[in-house]
C-alpha atoms as a PDB file:
ATOM      1  CA  MET A   1     -61.022   1.790 -12.539  1.00  0.00           C
ATOM      2  CA  ALA A   2     -58.725   2.789  -9.764  1.00  0.00           C
ATOM      3  CA  GLU A   3     -55.035   2.641 -10.488  1.00  0.00           C
ATOM      4  CA  PRO A   4     -53.157   0.252  -8.197  1.00  0.00           C
ATOM      5  CA  LYS A   5     -51.182   1.926  -5.417  1.00  0.00           C
ATOM      6  CA  LYS A   6     -48.332  -0.525  -5.834  1.00  0.00           C
ATOM      7  CA  ASN A   7     -46.572   1.860  -8.207  1.00  0.00           C
ATOM      8  CA  ASN A   8     -46.717   4.699  -5.665  1.00  0.00           C
ATOM      9  CA  SER A   9     -45.456   2.346  -2.992  1.00  0.00           C
ATOM     10  CA  ASN A  10     -42.426   1.455  -5.104  1.00  0.00           C
ATOM     11  CA  GLU A  11     -41.755   5.126  -5.794  1.00  0.00           C
ATOM     12  CA  ASP A  12     -42.078   5.888  -2.085  1.00  0.00           C
ATOM     13  CA  LYS A  13     -39.592   3.132  -1.270  1.00  0.00           C
ATOM     14  CA  LYS A  14     -37.152   4.514  -3.840  1.00  0.00           C
ATOM     15  CA  ILE A  15     -37.525   8.021  -2.423  1.00  0.00           C
ATOM     16  CA  ASP A  16     -37.012   6.693   1.116  1.00  0.00           C
ATOM     17  CA  LYS A  17     -33.841   4.876   0.051  1.00  0.00           C
ATOM     18  CA  ILE A  18     -32.513   7.992  -1.669  1.00  0.00           C
ATOM     19  CA  GLU A  19     -33.265  10.070   1.426  1.00  0.00           C
ATOM     20  CA  SER A  20     -31.547   7.554   3.703  1.00  0.00           C
ATOM     21  CA  ILE A  21     -28.478   7.572   1.440  1.00  0.00           C
ATOM     22  CA  LYS A  22     -28.427  11.393   1.466  1.00  0.00           C
ATOM     23  CA  THR A  23     -28.687  11.388   5.267  1.00  0.00           C
ATOM     24  CA  PHE A  24     -25.851   8.873   5.547  1.00  0.00           C
ATOM     25  CA  LEU A  25     -23.630  10.890   3.210  1.00  0.00           C
ATOM     26  CA  ASN A  26     -24.319  14.076   5.182  1.00  0.00           C
ATOM     27  CA  GLN A  27     -23.349  12.306   8.394  1.00  0.00           C
ATOM     28  CA  CYS A  28     -20.147  11.051   6.758  1.00  0.00           C
ATOM     29  CA  LYS A  29     -19.373  14.585   5.589  1.00  0.00           C
ATOM     30  CA  ARG A  30     -19.806  15.947   9.136  1.00  0.00           C
ATOM     31  CA  VAL A  31     -17.436  13.323  10.530  1.00  0.00           C
ATOM     32  CA  LEU A  32     -14.838  13.990   7.834  1.00  0.00           C
ATOM     33  CA  MET A  33     -14.996  17.730   8.548  1.00  0.00           C
ATOM     34  CA  ILE A  34     -13.935  17.268  12.201  1.00  0.00           C
ATOM     35  CA  LEU A  35     -11.317  14.566  11.660  1.00  0.00           C
ATOM     36  CA  ARG A  36      -7.714  15.295  12.482  1.00  0.00           C
ATOM     37  CA  ARG A  37      -4.517  13.317  12.347  1.00  0.00           C
ATOM     38  CA  PRO A  38      -3.597  11.738  15.701  1.00  0.00           C
ATOM     39  CA  THR A  39      -0.470  12.908  17.457  1.00  0.00           C
ATOM     40  CA  ARG A  40       2.422  10.486  17.851  1.00  0.00           C
ATOM     41  CA  GLU A  41       1.533   9.960  21.524  1.00  0.00           C
ATOM     42  CA  GLU A  42      -2.107   9.177  20.717  1.00  0.00           C
ATOM     43  CA  PHE A  43      -1.069   6.741  17.996  1.00  0.00           C
ATOM     44  CA  LEU A  44       1.364   4.943  20.298  1.00  0.00           C
ATOM     45  CA  ASN A  45      -1.247   4.662  23.060  1.00  0.00           C
ATOM     46  CA  ILE A  46      -3.832   3.256  20.648  1.00  0.00           C
ATOM     47  CA  SER A  47      -1.244   0.794  19.291  1.00  0.00           C
ATOM     48  CA  LYS A  48      -0.316  -0.369  22.805  1.00  0.00           C
ATOM     49  CA  VAL A  49      -3.926  -0.904  23.845  1.00  0.00           C
ATOM     50  CA  THR A  50      -4.701  -2.754  20.616  1.00  0.00           C
ATOM     51  CA  GLY A  51      -1.613  -4.952  21.018  1.00  0.00           C
ATOM     52  CA  LEU A  52      -2.515  -5.769  24.608  1.00  0.00           C
ATOM     53  CA  GLY A  53      -6.047  -6.675  23.523  1.00  0.00           C
ATOM     54  CA  ILE A  54      -4.753  -9.009  20.816  1.00  0.00           C
ATOM     55  CA  CYS A  55      -2.345 -10.657  23.267  1.00  0.00           C
ATOM     56  CA  PHE A  56      -5.098 -11.059  25.865  1.00  0.00           C
ATOM     57  CA  LEU A  57      -7.462 -12.707  23.376  1.00  0.00           C
ATOM     58  CA  GLY A  58      -4.681 -15.006  22.159  1.00  0.00           C
ATOM     59  CA  LEU A  59      -3.829 -16.030  25.718  1.00  0.00           C
ATOM     60  CA  LEU A  60      -7.499 -16.620  26.489  1.00  0.00           C
ATOM     61  CA  GLY A  61      -7.852 -18.788  23.388  1.00  0.00           C
ATOM     62  CA  TYR A  62      -4.757 -20.768  24.355  1.00  0.00           C
ATOM     63  CA  ILE A  63      -6.022 -21.267  27.917  1.00  0.00           C
ATOM     64  CA  ILE A  64      -9.299 -22.621  26.531  1.00  0.00           C
ATOM     65  CA  HIS A  65      -7.676 -24.708  23.787  1.00  0.00           C
ATOM     66  CA  VAL A  66      -5.186 -26.625  25.958  1.00  0.00           C
ATOM     67  CA  PRO A  67      -7.672 -28.243  28.406  1.00  0.00           C
ATOM     68  CA  ILE A  68     -10.083 -29.103  25.593  1.00  0.00           C
ATOM     69  CA  THR A  69      -7.305 -30.800  23.634  1.00  0.00           C
ATOM     70  CA  TYR A  70      -6.240 -32.694  26.758  1.00  0.00           C
ATOM     71  CA  LEU A  71      -9.819 -33.802  27.475  1.00  0.00           C
ATOM     72  CA  LYS A  72     -10.287 -35.000  23.888  1.00  0.00           C
ATOM     73  CA  GLY A  73      -7.151 -37.152  24.314  1.00  0.00           C
ATOM     74  CA  LEU A  74      -8.594 -38.718  27.470  1.00  0.00           C
ATOM     75  CA  ILE A  75     -11.986 -39.430  25.923  1.00  0.00           C
ATOM     76  CA  LYS A  76     -10.662 -40.967  22.663  1.00  0.00           C
ATOM     77  CA  PRO A  77      -7.574 -43.029  23.509  1.00  0.00           C
END
């Protein structure tokens, strides 16, 4: 009788997962090797851009929220 290939398939899947994990770890290692600490100027610029983005999204949410709240008040008196 022929042995079912299901066992080999499971082993192949395990090997594929191990290989994908090894590949991911090697990519992480490469990134960590070229990392450097940002200068004060770079950090401040990133902080400013991030802050502006947060403020913009908050303002956009407020602009959307106010008319919807007003319309709900008109529909359900």
